[in-house]
Amino acid sequence: MKKVLFVLGGIFVVVGVIRQWPLAGKTYMEFIEGKGYLTLMLGLIMIVLGFSVPLLVGDGEEDS
């Protein structure tokens, strides 16, 4: 699950950056209103979820 989220998140980030290109020279509002903004944010959220999957699922080692 973790690898799937990382791979899909990476794909979404790359697609979002490509759709937003060029990044330099845009104002904040132009960046947010751009075509790739939601894709980019979705990719970043998926990557963060990939990091937190072990915490959410409880795969961590427990001392007992």
PDB file of N, CA and C in Angstrom:
ATOM      1  N   MET A   1       0.830  -1.198   0.000  1.00  0.00           N
ATOM      2  CA  MET A   1       0.000   0.000   0.000  1.00  0.00           C
ATOM      3  C   MET A   1       0.872   1.258   0.000  1.00  0.00           C
ATOM      4  N   LYS A   2       1.955   1.203   0.785  1.00  0.00           N
ATOM      5  CA  LYS A   2       2.838   2.352   0.892  1.00  0.00           C
ATOM      6  C   LYS A   2       3.490   2.666  -0.456  1.00  0.00           C
ATOM      7  N   LYS A   3       3.976   1.625  -1.135  1.00  0.00           N
ATOM      8  CA  LYS A   3       4.633   1.827  -2.427  1.00  0.00           C
ATOM      9  C   LYS A   3       3.647   2.324  -3.478  1.00  0.00           C
ATOM     10  N   VAL A   4       2.427   1.817  -3.421  1.00  0.00           N
ATOM     11  CA  VAL A   4       1.401   2.248  -4.381  1.00  0.00           C
ATOM     12  C   VAL A   4       1.121   3.740  -4.212  1.00  0.00           C
ATOM     13  N   LEU A   5       1.001   4.192  -2.967  1.00  0.00           N
ATOM     14  CA  LEU A   5       0.743   5.613  -2.724  1.00  0.00           C
ATOM     15  C   LEU A   5       1.915   6.469  -3.174  1.00  0.00           C
ATOM     16  N   PHE A   6       3.151   6.002  -2.931  1.00  0.00           N
ATOM     17  CA  PHE A   6       4.321   6.759  -3.375  1.00  0.00           C
ATOM     18  C   PHE A   6       4.372   6.865  -4.896  1.00  0.00           C
ATOM     19  N   VAL A   7       4.128   5.748  -5.576  1.00  0.00           N
ATOM     20  CA  VAL A   7       4.197   5.749  -7.041  1.00  0.00           C
ATOM     21  C   VAL A   7       3.093   6.621  -7.635  1.00  0.00           C
ATOM     22  N   LEU A   8       1.864   6.422  -7.182  1.00  0.00           N
ATOM     23  CA  LEU A   8       0.758   7.239  -7.703  1.00  0.00           C
ATOM     24  C   LEU A   8       0.946   8.714  -7.354  1.00  0.00           C
ATOM     25  N   GLY A   9       1.404   8.978  -6.133  1.00  0.00           N
ATOM     26  CA  GLY A   9       1.663  10.361  -5.738  1.00  0.00           C
ATOM     27  C   GLY A   9       2.730  11.003  -6.598  1.00  0.00           C
ATOM     28  N   GLY A  10       3.792  10.256  -6.878  1.00  0.00           N
ATOM     29  CA  GLY A  10       4.853  10.771  -7.740  1.00  0.00           C
ATOM     30  C   GLY A  10       4.358  11.063  -9.143  1.00  0.00           C
ATOM     31  N   ILE A  11       3.523  10.172  -9.663  1.00  0.00           N
ATOM     32  CA  ILE A  11       2.959  10.379 -11.002  1.00  0.00           C
ATOM     33  C   ILE A  11       2.092  11.637 -11.022  1.00  0.00           C
ATOM     34  N   PHE A  12       1.247  11.792  -9.998  1.00  0.00           N
ATOM     35  CA  PHE A  12       0.379  12.972  -9.943  1.00  0.00           C
ATOM     36  C   PHE A  12       1.194  14.256  -9.808  1.00  0.00           C
ATOM     37  N   VAL A  13       2.270  14.224  -9.016  1.00  0.00           N
ATOM     38  CA  VAL A  13       3.108  15.417  -8.862  1.00  0.00           C
ATOM     39  C   VAL A  13       3.756  15.783 -10.192  1.00  0.00           C
ATOM     40  N   VAL A  14       4.292  14.791 -10.890  1.00  0.00           N
ATOM     41  CA  VAL A  14       4.939  15.061 -12.180  1.00  0.00           C
ATOM     42  C   VAL A  14       3.929  15.624 -13.181  1.00  0.00           C
ATOM     43  N   VAL A  15       2.751  15.023 -13.248  1.00  0.00           N
ATOM     44  CA  VAL A  15       1.718  15.521 -14.170  1.00  0.00           C
ATOM     45  C   VAL A  15       1.295  16.939 -13.780  1.00  0.00           C
ATOM     46  N   GLY A  16       1.158  17.193 -12.482  1.00  0.00           N
ATOM     47  CA  GLY A  16       0.776  18.529 -12.031  1.00  0.00           C
ATOM     48  C   GLY A  16       1.812  19.579 -12.379  1.00  0.00           C
ATOM     49  N   VAL A  17       3.093  19.238 -12.221  1.00  0.00           N
ATOM     50  CA  VAL A  17       4.157  20.189 -12.562  1.00  0.00           C
ATOM     51  C   VAL A  17       4.189  20.424 -14.069  1.00  0.00           C
ATOM     52  N   ILE A  18       4.010  19.365 -14.850  1.00  0.00           N
ATOM     53  CA  ILE A  18       4.003  19.520 -16.309  1.00  0.00           C
ATOM     54  C   ILE A  18       2.849  20.423 -16.741  1.00  0.00           C
ATOM     55  N   ARG A  19       1.684  20.237 -16.149  1.00  0.00           N
ATOM     56  CA  ARG A  19       0.525  21.061 -16.534  1.00  0.00           C
ATOM     57  C   ARG A  19       0.661  22.502 -16.057  1.00  0.00           C
ATOM     58  N   GLN A  20       1.430  22.732 -14.992  1.00  0.00           N
ATOM     59  CA  GLN A  20       1.622  24.089 -14.466  1.00  0.00           C
ATOM     60  C   GLN A  20       2.778  24.812 -15.153  1.00  0.00           C
ATOM     61  N   TRP A  21       3.572  24.125 -15.947  1.00  0.00           N
ATOM     62  CA  TRP A  21       4.808  24.681 -16.479  1.00  0.00           C
ATOM     63  C   TRP A  21       4.535  25.923 -17.303  1.00  0.00           C
ATOM     64  N   PRO A  22       5.292  26.973 -17.255  1.00  0.00           N
ATOM     65  CA  PRO A  22       6.453  27.222 -16.404  1.00  0.00           C
ATOM     66  C   PRO A  22       6.026  27.703 -15.020  1.00  0.00           C
ATOM     67  N   LEU A  23       6.722  27.229 -14.008  1.00  0.00           N
ATOM     68  CA  LEU A  23       6.388  27.592 -12.629  1.00  0.00           C
ATOM     69  C   LEU A  23       6.884  28.991 -12.285  1.00  0.00           C
ATOM     70  N   ALA A  24       8.048  29.359 -12.800  1.00  0.00           N
ATOM     71  CA  ALA A  24       8.634  30.662 -12.490  1.00  0.00           C
ATOM     72  C   ALA A  24       7.844  31.769 -13.185  1.00  0.00           C
ATOM     73  N   GLY A  25       7.720  32.876 -12.506  1.00  0.00           N
ATOM     74  CA  GLY A  25       7.067  34.032 -13.094  1.00  0.00           C
ATOM     75  C   GLY A  25       5.567  34.095 -12.880  1.00  0.00           C
ATOM     76  N   LYS A  26       5.007  33.117 -12.174  1.00  0.00           N
ATOM     77  CA  LYS A  26       3.568  33.138 -11.906  1.00  0.00           C
ATOM     78  C   LYS A  26       3.319  33.750 -10.534  1.00  0.00           C
ATOM     79  N   THR A  27       2.225  34.485 -10.443  1.00  0.00           N
ATOM     80  CA  THR A  27       1.821  34.959  -9.128  1.00  0.00           C
ATOM     81  C   THR A  27       1.146  33.810  -8.387  1.00  0.00           C
ATOM     82  N   TYR A  28       0.900  34.017  -7.115  1.00  0.00           N
ATOM     83  CA  TYR A  28       0.273  32.976  -6.301  1.00  0.00           C
ATOM     84  C   TYR A  28      -1.103  32.604  -6.850  1.00  0.00           C
ATOM     85  N   MET A  29      -1.892  33.596  -7.225  1.00  0.00           N
ATOM     86  CA  MET A  29      -3.234  33.319  -7.745  1.00  0.00           C
ATOM     87  C   MET A  29      -3.176  32.619  -9.101  1.00  0.00           C
ATOM     88  N   GLU A  30      -2.233  32.981  -9.946  1.00  0.00           N
ATOM     89  CA  GLU A  30      -2.081  32.288 -11.230  1.00  0.00           C
ATOM     90  C   GLU A  30      -1.703  30.828 -11.006  1.00  0.00           C
ATOM     91  N   PHE A  31      -0.869  30.588  -9.998  1.00  0.00           N
ATOM     92  CA  PHE A  31      -0.457  29.218  -9.693  1.00  0.00           C
ATOM     93  C   PHE A  31      -1.643  28.396  -9.200  1.00  0.00           C
ATOM     94  N   ILE A  32      -2.431  28.965  -8.294  1.00  0.00           N
ATOM     95  CA  ILE A  32      -3.580  28.243  -7.742  1.00  0.00           C
ATOM     96  C   ILE A  32      -4.649  28.015  -8.811  1.00  0.00           C
ATOM     97  N   GLU A  33      -4.858  28.971  -9.685  1.00  0.00           N
ATOM     98  CA  GLU A  33      -5.882  28.844 -10.716  1.00  0.00           C
ATOM     99  C   GLU A  33      -5.400  28.065 -11.935  1.00  0.00           C
ATOM    100  N   GLY A  34      -4.147  27.628 -11.931  1.00  0.00           N
ATOM    101  CA  GLY A  34      -3.595  26.891 -13.067  1.00  0.00           C
ATOM    102  C   GLY A  34      -4.212  25.509 -13.212  1.00  0.00           C
ATOM    103  N   LYS A  35      -3.983  24.903 -14.368  1.00  0.00           N
ATOM    104  CA  LYS A  35      -4.601  23.616 -14.683  1.00  0.00           C
ATOM    105  C   LYS A  35      -4.080  22.474 -13.826  1.00  0.00           C
ATOM    106  N   GLY A  36      -2.812  22.518 -13.420  1.00  0.00           N
ATOM    107  CA  GLY A  36      -2.240  21.375 -12.721  1.00  0.00           C
ATOM    108  C   GLY A  36      -2.224  21.482 -11.213  1.00  0.00           C
ATOM    109  N   TYR A  37      -2.841  22.504 -10.650  1.00  0.00           N
ATOM    110  CA  TYR A  37      -2.755  22.725  -9.205  1.00  0.00           C
ATOM    111  C   TYR A  37      -3.383  21.586  -8.412  1.00  0.00           C
ATOM    112  N   LEU A  38      -4.599  21.195  -8.752  1.00  0.00           N
ATOM    113  CA  LEU A  38      -5.266  20.130  -7.997  1.00  0.00           C
ATOM    114  C   LEU A  38      -4.539  18.801  -8.145  1.00  0.00           C
ATOM    115  N   THR A  39      -4.030  18.523  -9.332  1.00  0.00           N
ATOM    116  CA  THR A  39      -3.270  17.298  -9.549  1.00  0.00           C
ATOM    117  C   THR A  39      -2.011  17.300  -8.704  1.00  0.00           C
ATOM    118  N   LEU A  40      -1.332  18.426  -8.663  1.00  0.00           N
ATOM    119  CA  LEU A  40      -0.117  18.559  -7.865  1.00  0.00           C
ATOM    120  C   LEU A  40      -0.416  18.367  -6.386  1.00  0.00           C
ATOM    121  N   MET A  41      -1.463  18.988  -5.885  1.00  0.00           N
ATOM    122  CA  MET A  41      -1.821  18.853  -4.473  1.00  0.00           C
ATOM    123  C   MET A  41      -2.247  17.426  -4.139  1.00  0.00           C
ATOM    124  N   LEU A  42      -2.992  16.784  -5.029  1.00  0.00           N
ATOM    125  CA  LEU A  42      -3.391  15.397  -4.811  1.00  0.00           C
ATOM    126  C   LEU A  42      -2.167  14.499  -4.716  1.00  0.00           C
ATOM    127  N   GLY A  43      -1.191  14.718  -5.583  1.00  0.00           N
ATOM    128  CA  GLY A  43       0.037  13.935  -5.538  1.00  0.00           C
ATOM    129  C   GLY A  43       0.792  14.129  -4.239  1.00  0.00           C
ATOM    130  N   LEU A  44       0.889  15.364  -3.776  1.00  0.00           N
ATOM    131  CA  LEU A  44       1.581  15.625  -2.511  1.00  0.00           C
ATOM    132  C   LEU A  44       0.848  14.987  -1.336  1.00  0.00           C
ATOM    133  N   ILE A  45      -0.470  15.039  -1.350  1.00  0.00           N
ATOM    134  CA  ILE A  45      -1.256  14.403  -0.285  1.00  0.00           C
ATOM    135  C   ILE A  45      -1.050  12.897  -0.301  1.00  0.00           C
ATOM    136  N   MET A  46      -1.007  12.294  -1.488  1.00  0.00           N
ATOM    137  CA  MET A  46      -0.797  10.849  -1.577  1.00  0.00           C
ATOM    138  C   MET A  46       0.584  10.456  -1.065  1.00  0.00           C
ATOM    139  N   ILE A  47       1.600  11.272  -1.335  1.00  0.00           N
ATOM    140  CA  ILE A  47       2.942  10.986  -0.832  1.00  0.00           C
ATOM    141  C   ILE A  47       2.965  11.071   0.688  1.00  0.00           C
ATOM    142  N   VAL A  48       2.324  12.082   1.252  1.00  0.00           N
ATOM    143  CA  VAL A  48       2.258  12.201   2.716  1.00  0.00           C
ATOM    144  C   VAL A  48       1.514  11.015   3.313  1.00  0.00           C
ATOM    145  N   LEU A  49       0.431  10.586   2.675  1.00  0.00           N
ATOM    146  CA  LEU A  49      -0.285   9.400   3.151  1.00  0.00           C
ATOM    147  C   LEU A  49       0.586   8.158   3.054  1.00  0.00           C
ATOM    148  N   GLY A  50       1.439   8.091   2.039  1.00  0.00           N
ATOM    149  CA  GLY A  50       2.361   6.972   1.923  1.00  0.00           C
ATOM    150  C   GLY A  50       3.301   6.894   3.109  1.00  0.00           C
ATOM    151  N   PHE A  51       3.735   8.054   3.608  1.00  0.00           N
ATOM    152  CA  PHE A  51       4.580   8.070   4.799  1.00  0.00           C
ATOM    153  C   PHE A  51       3.806   7.655   6.045  1.00  0.00           C
ATOM    154  N   SER A  52       2.524   8.005   6.115  1.00  0.00           N
ATOM    155  CA  SER A  52       1.765   7.771   7.337  1.00  0.00           C
ATOM    156  C   SER A  52       0.968   6.473   7.339  1.00  0.00           C
ATOM    157  N   VAL A  53       1.004   5.698   6.263  1.00  0.00           N
ATOM    158  CA  VAL A  53       0.273   4.428   6.221  1.00  0.00           C
ATOM    159  C   VAL A  53       0.676   3.498   7.358  1.00  0.00           C
ATOM    160  N   PRO A  54       1.978   3.321   7.651  1.00  0.00           N
ATOM    161  CA  PRO A  54       2.320   2.441   8.780  1.00  0.00           C
ATOM    162  C   PRO A  54       1.715   2.913  10.102  1.00  0.00           C
ATOM    163  N   LEU A  55       1.598   4.208  10.281  1.00  0.00           N
ATOM    164  CA  LEU A  55       1.003   4.726  11.515  1.00  0.00           C
ATOM    165  C   LEU A  55      -0.506   4.492  11.537  1.00  0.00           C
ATOM    166  N   LEU A  56      -1.149   4.670  10.393  1.00  0.00           N
ATOM    167  CA  LEU A  56      -2.596   4.500  10.327  1.00  0.00           C
ATOM    168  C   LEU A  56      -3.011   3.035  10.418  1.00  0.00           C
ATOM    169  N   VAL A  57      -2.240   2.160   9.803  1.00  0.00           N
ATOM    170  CA  VAL A  57      -2.580   0.741   9.776  1.00  0.00           C
ATOM    171  C   VAL A  57      -2.118   0.053  11.052  1.00  0.00           C
ATOM    172  N   GLY A  58      -1.073   0.577  11.673  1.00  0.00           N
ATOM    173  CA  GLY A  58      -0.554  -0.029  12.892  1.00  0.00           C
ATOM    174  C   GLY A  58       0.490  -1.093  12.627  1.00  0.00           C
ATOM    175  N   ASP A  59       1.295  -0.912  11.577  1.00  0.00           N
ATOM    176  CA  ASP A  59       2.340  -1.873  11.258  1.00  0.00           C
ATOM    177  C   ASP A  59       3.602  -1.675  12.092  1.00  0.00           C
ATOM    178  N   GLY A  60       3.627  -0.692  12.944  1.00  0.00           N
ATOM    179  CA  GLY A  60       4.814  -0.436  13.749  1.00  0.00           C
ATOM    180  C   GLY A  60       5.064  -1.547  14.755  1.00  0.00           C
ATOM    181  N   GLU A  61       6.334  -1.686  15.139  1.00  0.00           N
ATOM    182  CA  GLU A  61       6.660  -2.700  16.138  1.00  0.00           C
ATOM    183  C   GLU A  61       6.165  -2.238  17.507  1.00  0.00           C
ATOM    184  N   GLU A  62       5.526  -3.147  18.210  1.00  0.00           N
ATOM    185  CA  GLU A  62       5.022  -2.825  19.539  1.00  0.00           C
ATOM    186  C   GLU A  62       5.849  -3.569  20.576  1.00  0.00           C
ATOM    187  N   ASP A  63       6.236  -2.871  21.618  1.00  0.00           N
ATOM    188  CA  ASP A  63       6.971  -3.506  22.714  1.00  0.00           C
ATOM    189  C   ASP A  63       5.972  -4.125  23.673  1.00  0.00           C
ATOM    190  N   SER A  64       6.069  -5.447  23.859  1.00  0.00           N
ATOM    191  CA  SER A  64       5.148  -6.088  24.792  1.00  0.00           C
ATOM    192  C   SER A  64       5.868  -7.047  25.688  1.00  0.00           C
TER     193      SER A  64
END
